[in-house]
Amino acid sequence: MDLSRLLRGSHVVGLWAIWETGVTQCLEALRVRRRITATVNDVHARDVLSRFAKFCEGQLDVRIFTSELERLHIHRLMVARHAFAHAHGLESQISQRHRTALARWIREPGSGLGVRRGKIYVASSFCESSFDAAATTLRRLIRLVRTGGRGPSA
């Protein structure tokens, strides 16, 4: 058993849970404050990131991500989380769409993602960049909630 893989996989699952819950709560607070009847769950999209983005832009007139790099880090976090939470970190058990994306990201220098013997690995650099992106998103949304949804959305 590879202890670092186990610990980092757990970190990925936990970080995703914190990010998703934090974003959901912030969006709900902004929705209530602005008296918007539609909810995030009313939005149809292929995944939770797309649903959050559509709701933010369409209902709240804010951007959930300030940069493409931030969005990419969170998207990678989502795929890695699904791999560990639903497929036990086994490459063969994740969806073809995620497998294709994972293979592309692994080829990128410094992605912090890898596959060995059919098991997905995340490097500490992946955990750090994911944490930084998650913290950036949450801090901005929390600031919006605290200011009543006024101020810069980016």
Protein backbone atom coordinates (compact mmCIF):
# COMPACT_ATOMS: atom_id res chain seq x y z
CA MET A 1 0.00 0.00 0.00
CA ASP A 2 1.25 3.49 -0.86
CA LEU A 3 0.58 5.71 2.16
CA SER A 4 1.26 9.00 0.34
CA ARG A 5 -1.30 8.04 -2.34
CA LEU A 6 -3.85 7.21 0.33
CA LEU A 7 -3.28 10.45 2.25
CA ARG A 8 -3.26 12.67 -0.82
CA GLY A 9 -6.36 10.95 -2.19
CA SER A 10 -8.12 11.65 1.10
CA HIS A 11 -6.95 15.27 0.94
CA VAL A 12 -8.42 15.62 -2.56
CA VAL A 13 -11.79 14.21 -1.47
CA GLY A 14 -11.91 16.42 1.61
CA LEU A 15 -10.83 19.57 -0.20
CA TRP A 16 -13.50 19.05 -2.86
CA ALA A 17 -16.17 18.60 -0.17
CA ILE A 18 -15.13 21.85 1.53
CA TRP A 19 -15.01 23.75 -1.77
CA GLU A 20 -18.36 22.45 -3.05
CA THR A 21 -20.12 23.07 0.27
CA GLY A 22 -18.60 26.54 0.65
CA VAL A 23 -19.57 27.58 -2.87
CA THR A 24 -23.08 26.18 -2.45
CA GLN A 25 -23.60 28.08 0.81
CA CYS A 26 -22.24 31.35 -0.57
CA LEU A 27 -24.39 31.13 -3.70
CA GLU A 28 -27.43 30.35 -1.58
CA ALA A 29 -26.75 33.36 0.67
CA LEU A 30 -26.40 35.64 -2.36
CA ARG A 31 -29.53 34.16 -3.94
CA VAL A 32 -31.61 34.80 -0.80
CA ARG A 33 -30.22 38.30 -0.32
CA ARG A 34 -31.08 39.21 -3.91
CA ARG A 35 -34.51 37.54 -3.66
CA ILE A 36 -33.87 35.25 -6.63
CA THR A 37 -36.31 32.34 -6.79
CA ALA A 38 -34.21 30.04 -8.99
CA THR A 39 -31.67 27.85 -7.21
CA VAL A 40 -28.42 26.25 -8.28
CA ASN A 41 -30.27 22.92 -8.52
CA ASP A 42 -32.64 24.41 -11.11
CA VAL A 43 -29.73 24.82 -13.53
CA HIS A 44 -29.07 21.93 -15.90
CA ALA A 45 -25.46 21.32 -16.87
CA ARG A 46 -23.07 18.42 -17.49
CA ASP A 47 -21.34 18.77 -14.10
CA VAL A 48 -21.36 20.80 -10.90
CA LEU A 49 -18.74 23.29 -12.13
CA SER A 50 -20.81 24.13 -15.20
CA ARG A 51 -23.94 24.38 -13.06
CA PHE A 52 -22.25 26.77 -10.60
CA ALA A 53 -20.87 28.90 -13.45
CA LYS A 54 -24.23 29.10 -15.24
CA PHE A 55 -26.02 30.06 -12.02
CA CYS A 56 -23.42 32.68 -11.10
CA GLU A 57 -23.39 34.33 -14.48
CA GLY A 58 -27.08 33.93 -15.33
CA GLN A 59 -28.71 34.64 -11.97
CA LEU A 60 -26.19 36.47 -9.79
CA ASP A 61 -24.22 38.35 -12.46
CA VAL A 62 -20.88 37.30 -10.92
CA ARG A 63 -18.08 35.10 -12.16
CA ILE A 64 -17.21 32.07 -10.08
CA PHE A 65 -13.63 31.98 -11.40
CA THR A 66 -11.37 34.95 -12.01
CA SER A 67 -9.06 33.13 -14.40
CA GLU A 68 -8.94 30.13 -16.67
CA LEU A 69 -6.10 28.73 -14.55
CA GLU A 70 -8.25 28.87 -11.40
CA ARG A 71 -11.08 27.09 -13.25
CA LEU A 72 -8.63 24.47 -14.56
CA HIS A 73 -7.27 23.70 -11.09
CA ILE A 74 -10.78 23.27 -9.71
CA HIS A 75 -11.79 21.13 -12.69
CA ARG A 76 -8.75 18.89 -12.13
CA LEU A 77 -9.66 18.71 -8.44
CA MET A 78 -13.19 17.63 -9.36
CA VAL A 79 -11.95 14.86 -11.69
CA ALA A 80 -9.39 13.62 -9.15
CA ARG A 81 -12.02 13.68 -6.40
CA HIS A 82 -14.41 11.61 -8.50
CA ALA A 83 -11.61 9.15 -9.26
CA PHE A 84 -10.79 8.64 -5.58
CA ALA A 85 -14.32 8.84 -4.16
CA HIS A 86 -16.14 6.77 -6.78
CA ALA A 87 -13.48 4.69 -8.53
CA HIS A 88 -11.06 3.98 -5.67
CA GLY A 89 -8.38 5.86 -7.60
CA LEU A 90 -8.36 3.25 -10.37
CA GLU A 91 -7.93 4.70 -13.84
CA SER A 92 -9.95 1.91 -15.45
CA GLN A 93 -12.99 2.76 -13.33
CA ILE A 94 -13.38 6.43 -14.22
CA SER A 95 -15.50 7.68 -17.10
CA GLN A 96 -13.98 7.85 -20.56
CA ARG A 97 -14.40 11.64 -20.59
CA HIS A 98 -12.43 11.95 -17.35
CA ARG A 99 -9.85 9.39 -18.49
CA THR A 100 -9.22 11.41 -21.66
CA ALA A 101 -8.84 14.65 -19.67
CA LEU A 102 -6.58 12.94 -17.13
CA ALA A 103 -4.31 11.57 -19.88
CA ARG A 104 -4.01 15.08 -21.38
CA TRP A 105 -3.21 16.66 -17.99
CA ILE A 106 -0.62 14.01 -17.12
CA ARG A 107 1.34 14.99 -20.24
CA GLU A 108 1.50 18.61 -19.06
CA PRO A 109 4.69 19.40 -17.12
CA GLY A 110 4.01 20.20 -13.49
CA SER A 111 0.39 19.02 -13.42
CA GLY A 112 1.08 16.91 -10.35
CA LEU A 113 -1.02 14.05 -11.75
CA GLY A 114 0.11 10.60 -12.74
CA VAL A 115 -0.90 6.99 -13.24
CA ARG A 116 1.19 4.01 -12.16
CA ARG A 117 0.06 0.42 -12.44
CA GLY A 118 -3.45 1.65 -13.23
CA LYS A 119 -3.69 3.79 -10.08
CA ILE A 120 -4.09 7.55 -10.12
CA TYR A 121 -1.51 9.50 -8.13
CA VAL A 122 -1.50 13.12 -7.09
CA ALA A 123 1.70 14.89 -6.13
CA SER A 124 1.95 17.35 -3.28
CA SER A 125 2.17 20.11 -5.92
CA PHE A 126 -1.30 19.10 -7.17
CA CYS A 127 -2.68 19.30 -3.63
CA GLU A 128 -1.09 22.72 -3.10
CA SER A 129 -2.33 24.23 -6.38
CA SER A 130 -5.81 22.79 -5.79
CA PHE A 131 -5.88 24.25 -2.30
CA ASP A 132 -4.76 27.66 -3.56
CA ALA A 133 -7.44 27.72 -6.27
CA ALA A 134 -10.15 26.57 -3.85
CA ALA A 135 -9.13 29.19 -1.29
CA THR A 136 -9.16 31.94 -3.94
CA THR A 137 -12.69 31.08 -5.06
CA LEU A 138 -14.05 30.76 -1.53
CA ARG A 139 -12.43 33.94 -0.23
CA ARG A 140 -13.90 35.95 -3.10
CA LEU A 141 -17.39 34.50 -2.65
CA ILE A 142 -17.28 34.98 1.12
CA ARG A 143 -16.25 38.61 0.55
CA LEU A 144 -19.25 39.05 -1.77
CA VAL A 145 -21.59 37.58 0.84
CA ARG A 146 -20.15 39.83 3.57
CA THR A 147 -20.52 42.95 1.45
CA GLY A 148 -24.07 42.09 0.50
CA GLY A 149 -23.09 41.05 -2.99
CA ARG A 150 -21.74 44.49 -3.80
CA GLY A 151 -18.26 45.20 -4.98
CA PRO A 152 -16.08 43.59 -7.61
CA SER A 153 -17.19 40.13 -8.66
CA ALA A 154 -13.77 39.16 -9.96
